[in-house]
Amino acid sequence: MRARRGFRQSTLTLADVAKEAGVSEITVSRVIRARGSVAEETRRRVQTAISKIGYVPNRIAGSLASAGSDLIGVIIPSLGNIVFPDVLRGLHDAISERGFRAVVSVTDYRLESERELVRSLLSWRPAALIVTGCEHEPDTRQMLVNAGLTIVEVMDADGEAIDIAIGMSHARAGRETAAFLLARGYRRFGYIGHDLARDLRACKRRETFTSTVREAGASFAGEVVTPGRSSVPSGRSALAELLTAHGDIDAVYFSNDDMAIGGVFHCMAEGIAIPDKLAIVGFNGLAMGQALPQPLTTILTPRFDIGFRAGLAVIARFDGLEVPRLTDVGFTLLPGATA
């Protein structure tokens, strides 16, 4: 078995919880295991202390716990499109020859689900934990800060890293997309997206896109944000709704390529000339969008590379090497033929 290496700090213990709650370690153990008699007020104090300091129970006992793990916990928001499977492929290629294995969980873009998955995965003391984005609920962040193992936040480079962050700037992507369209002469814009309250990275792109448009004196005419997951059908129906309300829009920015491809299909069905009558821009650079009769104008994100670099960062930390706190991998704007 491997010796445990690459930890950032020591893990919290029952004694830390007991000190915070002002009770004995035995009492803390009883509360965690839901065994034995504990007064309700004492139980609440212990649970409050656990949440405050970010303690996670260790479910691996004795020598196994001290020996280390070959598992890397991975928490992603979705498996519904190729974006995150690409990240997982990159991670797999980086770690597999070193004997590490990924354990993958999906949040469906719910921060509360991320909190419970972080708690569950940390309880098994993995070699490292890879999470998506830099925004987390306060108690989730506290658990990650106190985890005592390598934490890699992927897909975003705009926030403050807990340990290691590897991704791209979504704020810059939104600004550069707007600047590209403005340079091509478009002046009246719309936006189509999906559940911005959950997809925080799409929200960043929308905010900088709209602010750049307005700062240039152009018009942001309207938007349609659909509930639930993004999809080609929802993008198609959302564009129909947007154009019904704002028929003079000359360019639409979509939250991702899935939605944008749906917009292209709506234009094909309605005889709307792209890009002469309406420009369409996506995000992610999916192969499907580039295979359209008119390749989609979009931003290509280096998803495989992000996953691969995340795996290399875990291995480097395991080997006792220094790892940069933040790696911005950038992105590529694909001019395409739809704008």
C-alpha atoms as a PDB file:
ATOM      1  CA  MET A   1       0.000   0.000   0.000  1.00  0.00           C
ATOM      2  CA  ARG A   2       1.135   3.554  -0.591  1.00  0.00           C
ATOM      3  CA  ALA A   3       2.195   5.764   2.275  1.00  0.00           C
ATOM      4  CA  ARG A   4       0.006   8.831   2.530  1.00  0.00           C
ATOM      5  CA  ARG A   5       1.803  11.746   0.942  1.00  0.00           C
ATOM      6  CA  GLY A   6       0.918  15.105  -0.552  1.00  0.00           C
ATOM      7  CA  PHE A   7      -1.418  16.274   2.230  1.00  0.00           C
ATOM      8  CA  ARG A   8      -1.731  20.003   2.736  1.00  0.00           C
ATOM      9  CA  GLN A   9      -2.470  19.764   6.467  1.00  0.00           C
ATOM     10  CA  SER A  10      -3.481  17.292   9.155  1.00  0.00           C
ATOM     11  CA  THR A  11      -7.106  16.166   9.232  1.00  0.00           C
ATOM     12  CA  LEU A  12      -9.554  17.170  11.914  1.00  0.00           C
ATOM     13  CA  THR A  13     -10.310  14.632  14.641  1.00  0.00           C
ATOM     14  CA  LEU A  14     -13.005  13.772  17.160  1.00  0.00           C
ATOM     15  CA  ALA A  15     -10.971  15.743  19.692  1.00  0.00           C
ATOM     16  CA  ASP A  16     -11.362  18.914  17.600  1.00  0.00           C
ATOM     17  CA  VAL A  17     -15.127  18.480  17.503  1.00  0.00           C
ATOM     18  CA  ALA A  18     -15.248  17.696  21.224  1.00  0.00           C
ATOM     19  CA  LYS A  19     -13.262  20.837  22.047  1.00  0.00           C
ATOM     20  CA  GLU A  20     -15.505  23.030  19.854  1.00  0.00           C
ATOM     21  CA  ALA A  21     -18.698  21.561  21.350  1.00  0.00           C
ATOM     22  CA  GLY A  22     -17.412  21.413  24.913  1.00  0.00           C
ATOM     23  CA  VAL A  23     -18.129  17.696  25.314  1.00  0.00           C
ATOM     24  CA  SER A  24     -16.159  14.452  25.494  1.00  0.00           C
ATOM     25  CA  GLU A  25     -14.901  12.519  22.486  1.00  0.00           C
ATOM     26  CA  ILE A  26     -17.145   9.629  23.500  1.00  0.00           C
ATOM     27  CA  THR A  27     -20.175  11.925  23.264  1.00  0.00           C
ATOM     28  CA  VAL A  28     -19.107  13.099  19.810  1.00  0.00           C
ATOM     29  CA  SER A  29     -18.699   9.474  18.710  1.00  0.00           C
ATOM     30  CA  ARG A  30     -22.179   8.617  19.981  1.00  0.00           C
ATOM     31  CA  VAL A  31     -23.726  11.503  18.040  1.00  0.00           C
ATOM     32  CA  ILE A  32     -21.903  10.599  14.812  1.00  0.00           C
ATOM     33  CA  ARG A  33     -22.750   6.910  15.078  1.00  0.00           C
ATOM     34  CA  ALA A  34     -26.296   7.608  16.313  1.00  0.00           C
ATOM     35  CA  ARG A  35     -25.697   5.174  19.165  1.00  0.00           C
ATOM     36  CA  GLY A  36     -26.190   5.557  22.890  1.00  0.00           C
ATOM     37  CA  SER A  37     -28.123   8.114  24.874  1.00  0.00           C
ATOM     38  CA  VAL A  38     -27.305  11.772  24.186  1.00  0.00           C
ATOM     39  CA  ALA A  39     -29.372  14.760  25.289  1.00  0.00           C
ATOM     40  CA  GLU A  40     -30.973  16.622  22.390  1.00  0.00           C
ATOM     41  CA  GLU A  41     -29.318  19.923  23.314  1.00  0.00           C
ATOM     42  CA  THR A  42     -25.923  18.190  23.429  1.00  0.00           C
ATOM     43  CA  ARG A  43     -26.595  16.529  20.074  1.00  0.00           C
ATOM     44  CA  ARG A  44     -27.323  19.935  18.532  1.00  0.00           C
ATOM     45  CA  ARG A  45     -24.087  21.381  19.958  1.00  0.00           C
ATOM     46  CA  VAL A  46     -22.068  18.543  18.480  1.00  0.00           C
ATOM     47  CA  GLN A  47     -23.763  18.837  15.083  1.00  0.00           C
ATOM     48  CA  THR A  48     -23.199  22.607  15.084  1.00  0.00           C
ATOM     49  CA  ALA A  49     -19.521  22.067  15.890  1.00  0.00           C
ATOM     50  CA  ILE A  50     -19.176  19.504  13.091  1.00  0.00           C
ATOM     51  CA  SER A  51     -20.660  21.934  10.581  1.00  0.00           C
ATOM     52  CA  LYS A  52     -18.638  24.900  11.853  1.00  0.00           C
ATOM     53  CA  ILE A  53     -15.194  23.310  11.648  1.00  0.00           C
ATOM     54  CA  GLY A  54     -15.916  21.106   8.615  1.00  0.00           C
ATOM     55  CA  TYR A  55     -15.247  17.771  10.297  1.00  0.00           C
ATOM     56  CA  VAL A  56     -15.842  14.622   8.214  1.00  0.00           C
ATOM     57  CA  PRO A  57     -15.966  11.179   9.900  1.00  0.00           C
ATOM     58  CA  ASN A  58     -13.389   8.642   8.746  1.00  0.00           C
ATOM     59  CA  ARG A  59     -15.187   5.485   7.646  1.00  0.00           C
ATOM     60  CA  ILE A  60     -11.956   3.612   6.964  1.00  0.00           C
ATOM     61  CA  ALA A  61     -10.717   2.131  10.217  1.00  0.00           C
ATOM     62  CA  GLY A  62      -7.321   1.358  11.745  1.00  0.00           C
ATOM     63  CA  SER A  63      -4.301   0.623   9.612  1.00  0.00           C
ATOM     64  CA  LEU A  64      -6.246   0.930   6.358  1.00  0.00           C
ATOM     65  CA  ALA A  65      -6.993   4.558   7.153  1.00  0.00           C
ATOM     66  CA  SER A  66      -3.333   5.370   7.703  1.00  0.00           C
ATOM     67  CA  ALA A  67      -2.111   3.425   4.697  1.00  0.00           C
ATOM     68  CA  GLY A  68      -3.706   5.616   2.088  1.00  0.00           C
ATOM     69  CA  SER A  69      -6.052   5.225  -0.839  1.00  0.00           C
ATOM     70  CA  ASP A  70      -5.714   4.776  -4.582  1.00  0.00           C
ATOM     71  CA  LEU A  71      -9.112   6.425  -5.130  1.00  0.00           C
ATOM     72  CA  ILE A  72      -9.627   9.955  -6.414  1.00  0.00           C
ATOM     73  CA  GLY A  73     -13.058  11.401  -5.737  1.00  0.00           C
ATOM     74  CA  VAL A  74     -14.484  13.399  -8.650  1.00  0.00           C
ATOM     75  CA  ILE A  75     -17.602  15.561  -8.398  1.00  0.00           C
ATOM     76  CA  ILE A  76     -19.020  16.959 -11.641  1.00  0.00           C
ATOM     77  CA  PRO A  77     -22.326  18.705 -12.378  1.00  0.00           C
ATOM     78  CA  SER A  78     -23.535  16.638 -15.334  1.00  0.00           C
ATOM     79  CA  LEU A  79     -23.037  13.695 -17.657  1.00  0.00           C
ATOM     80  CA  GLY A  80     -25.702  15.006 -20.011  1.00  0.00           C
ATOM     81  CA  ASN A  81     -23.355  16.250 -22.714  1.00  0.00           C
ATOM     82  CA  ILE A  82     -19.801  15.573 -23.862  1.00  0.00           C
ATOM     83  CA  VAL A  83     -18.216  18.369 -21.818  1.00  0.00           C
ATOM     84  CA  PHE A  84     -17.628  16.521 -18.557  1.00  0.00           C
ATOM     85  CA  PRO A  85     -17.001  13.081 -20.077  1.00  0.00           C
ATOM     86  CA  ASP A  86     -14.146  14.787 -21.944  1.00  0.00           C
ATOM     87  CA  VAL A  87     -12.761  15.992 -18.607  1.00  0.00           C
ATOM     88  CA  LEU A  88     -13.037  12.463 -17.209  1.00  0.00           C
ATOM     89  CA  ARG A  89     -11.207  11.006 -20.226  1.00  0.00           C
ATOM     90  CA  GLY A  90      -8.338  13.406 -19.671  1.00  0.00           C
ATOM     91  CA  LEU A  91      -8.204  12.560 -15.976  1.00  0.00           C
ATOM     92  CA  HIS A  92      -8.255   8.823 -16.701  1.00  0.00           C
ATOM     93  CA  ASP A  93      -5.375   9.090 -19.165  1.00  0.00           C
ATOM     94  CA  ALA A  94      -3.279  10.957 -16.593  1.00  0.00           C
ATOM     95  CA  ILE A  95      -3.848   8.740 -13.549  1.00  0.00           C
ATOM     96  CA  SER A  96      -4.474   5.213 -14.793  1.00  0.00           C
ATOM     97  CA  GLU A  97      -0.842   4.177 -15.295  1.00  0.00           C
ATOM     98  CA  ARG A  98      -0.053   5.230 -11.727  1.00  0.00           C
ATOM     99  CA  GLY A  99      -2.743   2.925 -10.352  1.00  0.00           C
ATOM    100  CA  PHE A 100      -5.194   5.607  -9.267  1.00  0.00           C
ATOM    101  CA  ARG A 101      -8.904   5.178  -9.944  1.00  0.00           C
ATOM    102  CA  ALA A 102     -11.618   7.831 -10.161  1.00  0.00           C
ATOM    103  CA  VAL A 103     -14.877   7.570  -8.213  1.00  0.00           C
ATOM    104  CA  VAL A 104     -17.359   9.878  -9.962  1.00  0.00           C
ATOM    105  CA  SER A 105     -20.447  11.570  -8.520  1.00  0.00           C
ATOM    106  CA  VAL A 106     -22.873  13.993 -10.217  1.00  0.00           C
ATOM    107  CA  THR A 107     -24.516  17.040  -8.590  1.00  0.00           C
ATOM    108  CA  ASP A 108     -26.935  18.058 -11.370  1.00  0.00           C
ATOM    109  CA  TYR A 109     -25.641  21.599 -10.747  1.00  0.00           C
ATOM    110  CA  ARG A 110     -27.027  21.610  -7.179  1.00  0.00           C
ATOM    111  CA  LEU A 111     -24.695  23.089  -4.570  1.00  0.00           C
ATOM    112  CA  GLU A 112     -26.572  21.289  -1.818  1.00  0.00           C
ATOM    113  CA  SER A 113     -25.910  17.985  -3.600  1.00  0.00           C
ATOM    114  CA  GLU A 114     -22.242  18.916  -3.878  1.00  0.00           C
ATOM    115  CA  ARG A 115     -22.118  19.434  -0.105  1.00  0.00           C
ATOM    116  CA  GLU A 116     -23.452  15.953   0.624  1.00  0.00           C
ATOM    117  CA  LEU A 117     -21.226  14.314  -1.977  1.00  0.00           C
ATOM    118  CA  VAL A 118     -18.139  16.066  -0.609  1.00  0.00           C
ATOM    119  CA  ARG A 119     -19.022  14.879   2.870  1.00  0.00           C
ATOM    120  CA  SER A 120     -19.580  11.321   1.677  1.00  0.00           C
ATOM    121  CA  LEU A 121     -16.423  11.061  -0.427  1.00  0.00           C
ATOM    122  CA  LEU A 122     -14.181  12.647   2.194  1.00  0.00           C
ATOM    123  CA  SER A 123     -15.393  10.147   4.759  1.00  0.00           C
ATOM    124  CA  TRP A 124     -13.574   7.452   2.757  1.00  0.00           C
ATOM    125  CA  ARG A 125     -10.309   9.427   2.829  1.00  0.00           C
ATOM    126  CA  PRO A 126      -9.490   9.401  -0.899  1.00  0.00           C
ATOM    127  CA  ALA A 127      -6.028  10.279  -2.213  1.00  0.00           C
ATOM    128  CA  ALA A 128      -7.454  13.514  -3.631  1.00  0.00           C
ATOM    129  CA  LEU A 129     -10.758  15.200  -4.436  1.00  0.00           C
ATOM    130  CA  ILE A 130     -11.567  16.934  -7.722  1.00  0.00           C
ATOM    131  CA  VAL A 131     -14.562  19.282  -7.724  1.00  0.00           C
ATOM    132  CA  THR A 132     -16.068  21.539 -10.378  1.00  0.00           C
ATOM    133  CA  GLY A 133     -15.865  25.314 -10.167  1.00  0.00           C
ATOM    134  CA  CYS A 134     -14.695  27.698  -7.462  1.00  0.00           C
ATOM    135  CA  GLU A 135     -18.087  28.492  -5.908  1.00  0.00           C
ATOM    136  CA  HIS A 136     -19.290  26.285  -3.065  1.00  0.00           C
ATOM    137  CA  GLU A 137     -21.627  26.575  -0.103  1.00  0.00           C
ATOM    138  CA  PRO A 138     -19.783  27.886   3.000  1.00  0.00           C
ATOM    139  CA  ASP A 139     -19.863  24.567   4.862  1.00  0.00           C
ATOM    140  CA  THR A 140     -18.744  22.697   1.737  1.00  0.00           C
ATOM    141  CA  ARG A 141     -15.802  25.046   1.388  1.00  0.00           C
ATOM    142  CA  GLN A 142     -14.960  24.559   5.055  1.00  0.00           C
ATOM    143  CA  MET A 143     -14.879  20.781   4.600  1.00  0.00           C
ATOM    144  CA  LEU A 144     -12.618  21.138   1.583  1.00  0.00           C
ATOM    145  CA  VAL A 145     -10.271  23.558   3.364  1.00  0.00           C
ATOM    146  CA  ASN A 146      -9.952  21.189   6.327  1.00  0.00           C
ATOM    147  CA  ALA A 147      -9.838  17.961   4.316  1.00  0.00           C
ATOM    148  CA  GLY A 148      -6.102  17.420   4.689  1.00  0.00           C
ATOM    149  CA  LEU A 149      -5.705  16.140   1.144  1.00  0.00           C
ATOM    150  CA  THR A 150      -5.178  17.482  -2.362  1.00  0.00           C
ATOM    151  CA  ILE A 151      -8.195  19.445  -3.617  1.00  0.00           C
ATOM    152  CA  VAL A 152      -8.385  20.362  -7.315  1.00  0.00           C
ATOM    153  CA  GLU A 153     -11.093  22.727  -8.562  1.00  0.00           C
ATOM    154  CA  VAL A 154     -11.530  22.378 -12.322  1.00  0.00           C
ATOM    155  CA  MET A 155     -13.196  24.260 -15.204  1.00  0.00           C
ATOM    156  CA  ASP A 156     -12.881  27.740 -13.679  1.00  0.00           C
ATOM    157  CA  ALA A 157     -10.052  30.231 -13.196  1.00  0.00           C
ATOM    158  CA  ASP A 158     -12.040  33.229 -11.936  1.00  0.00           C
ATOM    159  CA  GLY A 159     -12.337  32.427  -8.223  1.00  0.00           C
ATOM    160  CA  GLU A 160      -9.903  31.973  -5.336  1.00  0.00           C
ATOM    161  CA  ALA A 161      -8.528  28.452  -5.251  1.00  0.00           C
ATOM    162  CA  ILE A 162      -8.879  26.397  -2.081  1.00  0.00           C
ATOM    163  CA  ASP A 163      -5.765  24.424  -3.000  1.00  0.00           C
ATOM    164  CA  ILE A 164      -5.279  23.955  -6.772  1.00  0.00           C
ATOM    165  CA  ALA A 165      -7.475  25.399  -9.550  1.00  0.00           C
ATOM    166  CA  ILE A 166      -7.198  24.386 -13.208  1.00  0.00           C
ATOM    167  CA  GLY A 167      -9.561  25.909 -15.746  1.00  0.00           C
ATOM    168  CA  MET A 168     -10.388  28.938 -17.823  1.00  0.00           C
ATOM    169  CA  SER A 169     -11.829  32.379 -17.237  1.00  0.00           C
ATOM    170  CA  HIS A 170     -15.525  32.347 -18.057  1.00  0.00           C
ATOM    171  CA  ALA A 171     -15.698  36.077 -17.392  1.00  0.00           C
ATOM    172  CA  ARG A 172     -13.103  36.673 -20.120  1.00  0.00           C
ATOM    173  CA  ALA A 173     -14.914  34.272 -22.464  1.00  0.00           C
ATOM    174  CA  GLY A 174     -18.090  36.328 -22.190  1.00  0.00           C
ATOM    175  CA  ARG A 175     -16.241  39.576 -22.830  1.00  0.00           C
ATOM    176  CA  GLU A 176     -14.318  38.240 -25.835  1.00  0.00           C
ATOM    177  CA  THR A 177     -17.466  36.779 -27.395  1.00  0.00           C
ATOM    178  CA  ALA A 178     -19.210  40.142 -27.130  1.00  0.00           C
ATOM    179  CA  ALA A 179     -16.153  41.968 -28.517  1.00  0.00           C
ATOM    180  CA  PHE A 180     -16.028  39.571 -31.475  1.00  0.00           C
ATOM    181  CA  LEU A 181     -19.681  40.189 -32.370  1.00  0.00           C
ATOM    182  CA  LEU A 182     -19.400  43.946 -31.903  1.00  0.00           C
ATOM    183  CA  ALA A 183     -16.376  44.013 -34.229  1.00  0.00           C
ATOM    184  CA  ARG A 184     -18.483  42.250 -36.854  1.00  0.00           C
ATOM    185  CA  GLY A 185     -21.082  44.999 -36.719  1.00  0.00           C
ATOM    186  CA  TYR A 186     -23.860  43.426 -34.660  1.00  0.00           C
ATOM    187  CA  ARG A 187     -25.677  45.926 -32.462  1.00  0.00           C
ATOM    188  CA  ARG A 188     -28.863  44.363 -31.080  1.00  0.00           C
ATOM    189  CA  PHE A 189     -28.312  41.274 -28.951  1.00  0.00           C
ATOM    190  CA  GLY A 190     -30.271  38.560 -27.215  1.00  0.00           C
ATOM    191  CA  TYR A 191     -29.325  35.757 -24.861  1.00  0.00           C
ATOM    192  CA  ILE A 192     -30.611  32.210 -24.467  1.00  0.00           C
ATOM    193  CA  GLY A 193     -29.553  30.060 -21.551  1.00  0.00           C
ATOM    194  CA  HIS A 194     -30.520  27.458 -19.003  1.00  0.00           C
ATOM    195  CA  ASP A 195     -31.000  27.683 -15.228  1.00  0.00           C
ATOM    196  CA  LEU A 196     -28.468  30.397 -14.412  1.00  0.00           C
ATOM    197  CA  ALA A 197     -29.038  29.915 -10.686  1.00  0.00           C
ATOM    198  CA  ARG A 198     -27.333  26.514 -10.972  1.00  0.00           C
ATOM    199  CA  ASP A 199     -24.814  26.874 -13.791  1.00  0.00           C
ATOM    200  CA  LEU A 200     -22.680  29.574 -12.201  1.00  0.00           C
ATOM    201  CA  ARG A 201     -20.041  29.518 -14.937  1.00  0.00           C
ATOM    202  CA  ALA A 202     -22.669  30.200 -17.624  1.00  0.00           C
ATOM    203  CA  CYS A 203     -23.907  33.014 -15.394  1.00  0.00           C
ATOM    204  CA  LYS A 204     -20.433  34.588 -15.362  1.00  0.00           C
ATOM    205  CA  ARG A 205     -20.290  34.494 -19.162  1.00  0.00           C
ATOM    206  CA  ARG A 206     -23.727  36.067 -19.483  1.00  0.00           C
ATOM    207  CA  GLU A 207     -22.866  38.884 -17.066  1.00  0.00           C
ATOM    208  CA  THR A 208     -19.656  39.914 -18.830  1.00  0.00           C
ATOM    209  CA  PHE A 209     -21.236  39.485 -22.267  1.00  0.00           C
ATOM    210  CA  THR A 210     -24.135  41.806 -21.460  1.00  0.00           C
ATOM    211  CA  SER A 211     -21.966  44.377 -19.674  1.00  0.00           C
ATOM    212  CA  THR A 212     -19.544  44.511 -22.638  1.00  0.00           C
ATOM    213  CA  VAL A 213     -22.422  44.994 -25.071  1.00  0.00           C
ATOM    214  CA  ARG A 214     -23.912  47.826 -23.034  1.00  0.00           C
ATOM    215  CA  GLU A 215     -20.563  49.522 -22.439  1.00  0.00           C
ATOM    216  CA  ALA A 216     -20.127  49.633 -26.229  1.00  0.00           C
ATOM    217  CA  GLY A 217     -23.460  51.458 -26.597  1.00  0.00           C
ATOM    218  CA  ALA A 218     -25.169  48.493 -28.245  1.00  0.00           C
ATOM    219  CA  SER A 219     -28.537  47.089 -27.197  1.00  0.00           C
ATOM    220  CA  PHE A 220     -29.220  44.022 -25.097  1.00  0.00           C
ATOM    221  CA  ALA A 221     -32.815  43.529 -26.185  1.00  0.00           C
ATOM    222  CA  GLY A 222     -33.975  40.470 -24.298  1.00  0.00           C
ATOM    223  CA  GLU A 223     -33.348  36.941 -23.134  1.00  0.00           C
ATOM    224  CA  VAL A 224     -34.983  33.573 -22.524  1.00  0.00           C
ATOM    225  CA  VAL A 225     -33.648  31.351 -19.750  1.00  0.00           C
ATOM    226  CA  THR A 226     -35.159  27.883 -19.675  1.00  0.00           C
ATOM    227  CA  PRO A 227     -35.546  25.828 -16.485  1.00  0.00           C
ATOM    228  CA  GLY A 228     -33.712  22.555 -16.062  1.00  0.00           C
ATOM    229  CA  ARG A 229     -30.940  21.123 -18.184  1.00  0.00           C
ATOM    230  CA  SER A 230     -29.703  22.496 -21.467  1.00  0.00           C
ATOM    231  CA  SER A 231     -30.656  20.617 -24.633  1.00  0.00           C
ATOM    232  CA  VAL A 232     -31.020  21.025 -28.375  1.00  0.00           C
ATOM    233  CA  PRO A 233     -34.861  21.061 -28.196  1.00  0.00           C
ATOM    234  CA  SER A 234     -34.897  23.694 -25.436  1.00  0.00           C
ATOM    235  CA  GLY A 235     -32.542  25.886 -27.455  1.00  0.00           C
ATOM    236  CA  ARG A 236     -34.790  25.628 -30.471  1.00  0.00           C
ATOM    237  CA  SER A 237     -37.975  26.500 -28.596  1.00  0.00           C
ATOM    238  CA  ALA A 238     -36.261  29.291 -26.650  1.00  0.00           C
ATOM    239  CA  LEU A 239     -35.115  31.009 -29.846  1.00  0.00           C
ATOM    240  CA  ALA A 240     -38.645  30.860 -31.222  1.00  0.00           C
ATOM    241  CA  GLU A 241     -39.876  32.514 -28.022  1.00  0.00           C
ATOM    242  CA  LEU A 242     -37.156  35.173 -28.072  1.00  0.00           C
ATOM    243  CA  LEU A 243     -37.750  36.144 -31.696  1.00  0.00           C
ATOM    244  CA  THR A 244     -41.494  36.347 -31.153  1.00  0.00           C
ATOM    245  CA  ALA A 245     -40.903  38.970 -28.471  1.00  0.00           C
ATOM    246  CA  HIS A 246     -37.888  40.697 -30.077  1.00  0.00           C
ATOM    247  CA  GLY A 247     -37.958  40.155 -33.809  1.00  0.00           C
ATOM    248  CA  ASP A 248     -35.314  42.789 -34.568  1.00  0.00           C
ATOM    249  CA  ILE A 249     -32.470  41.073 -32.702  1.00  0.00           C
ATOM    250  CA  ASP A 250     -29.504  40.498 -35.015  1.00  0.00           C
ATOM    251  CA  ALA A 251     -27.314  38.252 -32.809  1.00  0.00           C
ATOM    252  CA  VAL A 252     -28.019  35.711 -30.076  1.00  0.00           C
ATOM    253  CA  TYR A 253     -25.524  34.420 -27.529  1.00  0.00           C
ATOM    254  CA  PHE A 254     -26.356  30.925 -26.247  1.00  0.00           C
ATOM    255  CA  SER A 255     -25.161  29.474 -22.943  1.00  0.00           C
ATOM    256  CA  ASN A 256     -23.634  26.480 -24.734  1.00  0.00           C
ATOM    257  CA  ASP A 257     -23.429  24.649 -28.046  1.00  0.00           C
ATOM    258  CA  ASP A 258     -26.351  22.314 -27.264  1.00  0.00           C
ATOM    259  CA  MET A 259     -28.686  25.276 -27.013  1.00  0.00           C
ATOM    260  CA  ALA A 260     -27.092  27.059 -29.973  1.00  0.00           C
ATOM    261  CA  ILE A 261     -27.511  24.022 -32.245  1.00  0.00           C
ATOM    262  CA  GLY A 262     -31.191  24.055 -31.351  1.00  0.00           C
ATOM    263  CA  GLY A 263     -31.257  27.707 -32.412  1.00  0.00           C
ATOM    264  CA  VAL A 264     -29.704  26.795 -35.762  1.00  0.00           C
ATOM    265  CA  PHE A 265     -32.410  24.165 -36.286  1.00  0.00           C
ATOM    266  CA  HIS A 266     -35.121  26.741 -35.598  1.00  0.00           C
ATOM    267  CA  CYS A 267     -33.621  29.081 -38.193  1.00  0.00           C
ATOM    268  CA  MET A 268     -33.422  26.268 -40.737  1.00  0.00           C
ATOM    269  CA  ALA A 269     -37.072  25.381 -40.162  1.00  0.00           C
ATOM    270  CA  GLU A 270     -38.248  28.999 -40.387  1.00  0.00           C
ATOM    271  CA  GLY A 271     -36.050  30.051 -43.298  1.00  0.00           C
ATOM    272  CA  ILE A 272     -34.078  32.576 -41.230  1.00  0.00           C
ATOM    273  CA  ALA A 273     -30.759  33.241 -42.973  1.00  0.00           C
ATOM    274  CA  ILE A 274     -27.693  32.687 -40.807  1.00  0.00           C
ATOM    275  CA  PRO A 275     -25.726  34.904 -40.313  1.00  0.00           C
ATOM    276  CA  ASP A 276     -27.231  37.522 -42.662  1.00  0.00           C
ATOM    277  CA  LYS A 277     -30.523  37.790 -40.779  1.00  0.00           C
ATOM    278  CA  LEU A 278     -29.430  36.388 -37.434  1.00  0.00           C
ATOM    279  CA  ALA A 279     -26.052  35.501 -35.930  1.00  0.00           C
ATOM    280  CA  ILE A 280     -25.800  32.560 -33.521  1.00  0.00           C
ATOM    281  CA  VAL A 281     -22.921  31.968 -31.095  1.00  0.00           C
ATOM    282  CA  GLY A 282     -22.404  29.089 -28.670  1.00  0.00           C
ATOM    283  CA  PHE A 283     -19.870  27.926 -26.118  1.00  0.00           C
ATOM    284  CA  ASN A 284     -17.783  24.741 -25.697  1.00  0.00           C
ATOM    285  CA  GLY A 285     -16.750  23.924 -29.274  1.00  0.00           C
ATOM    286  CA  LEU A 286     -18.569  20.591 -29.534  1.00  0.00           C
ATOM    287  CA  ALA A 287     -17.802  18.444 -32.587  1.00  0.00           C
ATOM    288  CA  MET A 288     -21.516  18.357 -33.460  1.00  0.00           C
ATOM    289  CA  GLY A 289     -21.569  22.144 -33.819  1.00  0.00           C
ATOM    290  CA  GLN A 290     -18.536  22.098 -36.103  1.00  0.00           C
ATOM    291  CA  ALA A 291     -20.161  19.383 -38.256  1.00  0.00           C
ATOM    292  CA  LEU A 292     -23.183  21.566 -39.110  1.00  0.00           C
ATOM    293  CA  PRO A 293     -23.485  22.734 -42.747  1.00  0.00           C
ATOM    294  CA  GLN A 294     -22.432  26.103 -41.366  1.00  0.00           C
ATOM    295  CA  PRO A 295     -19.928  25.436 -38.560  1.00  0.00           C
ATOM    296  CA  LEU A 296     -21.061  27.038 -35.332  1.00  0.00           C
ATOM    297  CA  THR A 297     -19.346  30.189 -34.127  1.00  0.00           C
ATOM    298  CA  THR A 298     -18.301  29.320 -30.596  1.00  0.00           C
ATOM    299  CA  ILE A 299     -15.541  29.110 -28.004  1.00  0.00           C
ATOM    300  CA  LEU A 300     -13.575  25.878 -27.823  1.00  0.00           C
ATOM    301  CA  THR A 301     -12.840  24.842 -24.251  1.00  0.00           C
ATOM    302  CA  PRO A 302      -9.857  22.532 -23.579  1.00  0.00           C
ATOM    303  CA  ARG A 303     -11.859  20.021 -21.559  1.00  0.00           C
ATOM    304  CA  PHE A 304      -9.620  16.984 -22.049  1.00  0.00           C
ATOM    305  CA  ASP A 305      -6.559  19.057 -21.193  1.00  0.00           C
ATOM    306  CA  ILE A 306      -8.174  20.322 -17.972  1.00  0.00           C
ATOM    307  CA  GLY A 307      -8.880  16.752 -16.841  1.00  0.00           C
ATOM    308  CA  PHE A 308      -5.405  15.608 -17.818  1.00  0.00           C
ATOM    309  CA  ARG A 309      -3.736  18.476 -15.968  1.00  0.00           C
ATOM    310  CA  ALA A 310      -5.873  17.778 -12.911  1.00  0.00           C
ATOM    311  CA  GLY A 311      -4.630  14.192 -12.875  1.00  0.00           C
ATOM    312  CA  LEU A 312      -1.019  15.292 -13.277  1.00  0.00           C
ATOM    313  CA  ALA A 313      -1.455  17.759 -10.408  1.00  0.00           C
ATOM    314  CA  VAL A 314      -2.658  14.971  -8.106  1.00  0.00           C
ATOM    315  CA  ILE A 315       0.297  12.774  -9.085  1.00  0.00           C
ATOM    316  CA  ALA A 316       2.772  15.638  -8.644  1.00  0.00           C
ATOM    317  CA  ARG A 317       1.429  16.390  -5.179  1.00  0.00           C
ATOM    318  CA  PHE A 318       1.579  12.685  -4.319  1.00  0.00           C
ATOM    319  CA  ASP A 319       5.230  12.671  -5.399  1.00  0.00           C
ATOM    320  CA  GLY A 320       5.976  15.638  -3.158  1.00  0.00           C
ATOM    321  CA  LEU A 321       6.362  18.156  -5.995  1.00  0.00           C
ATOM    322  CA  GLU A 322       5.176  21.748  -6.037  1.00  0.00           C
ATOM    323  CA  VAL A 323       2.004  22.455  -8.013  1.00  0.00           C
ATOM    324  CA  PRO A 324       0.885  25.951  -9.146  1.00  0.00           C
ATOM    325  CA  ARG A 325      -2.094  27.226  -7.182  1.00  0.00           C
ATOM    326  CA  LEU A 326      -3.827  28.453 -10.370  1.00  0.00           C
ATOM    327  CA  THR A 327      -3.491  27.258 -13.958  1.00  0.00           C
ATOM    328  CA  ASP A 328      -5.492  29.171 -16.581  1.00  0.00           C
ATOM    329  CA  VAL A 329      -5.551  26.952 -19.690  1.00  0.00           C
ATOM    330  CA  GLY A 330      -7.300  29.579 -21.809  1.00  0.00           C
ATOM    331  CA  PHE A 331      -9.720  28.950 -24.689  1.00  0.00           C
ATOM    332  CA  THR A 332      -9.990  29.374 -28.463  1.00  0.00           C
ATOM    333  CA  LEU A 333     -12.612  31.433 -30.253  1.00  0.00           C
ATOM    334  CA  LEU A 334     -13.773  29.558 -33.363  1.00  0.00           C
ATOM    335  CA  PRO A 335     -15.110  32.099 -35.914  1.00  0.00           C
ATOM    336  CA  GLY A 336     -17.234  29.455 -37.610  1.00  0.00           C
ATOM    337  CA  ALA A 337     -19.879  30.515 -40.122  1.00  0.00           C
ATOM    338  CA  THR A 338     -22.899  31.458 -37.999  1.00  0.00           C
ATOM    339  CA  ALA A 339     -21.764  34.988 -37.076  1.00  0.00           C
END
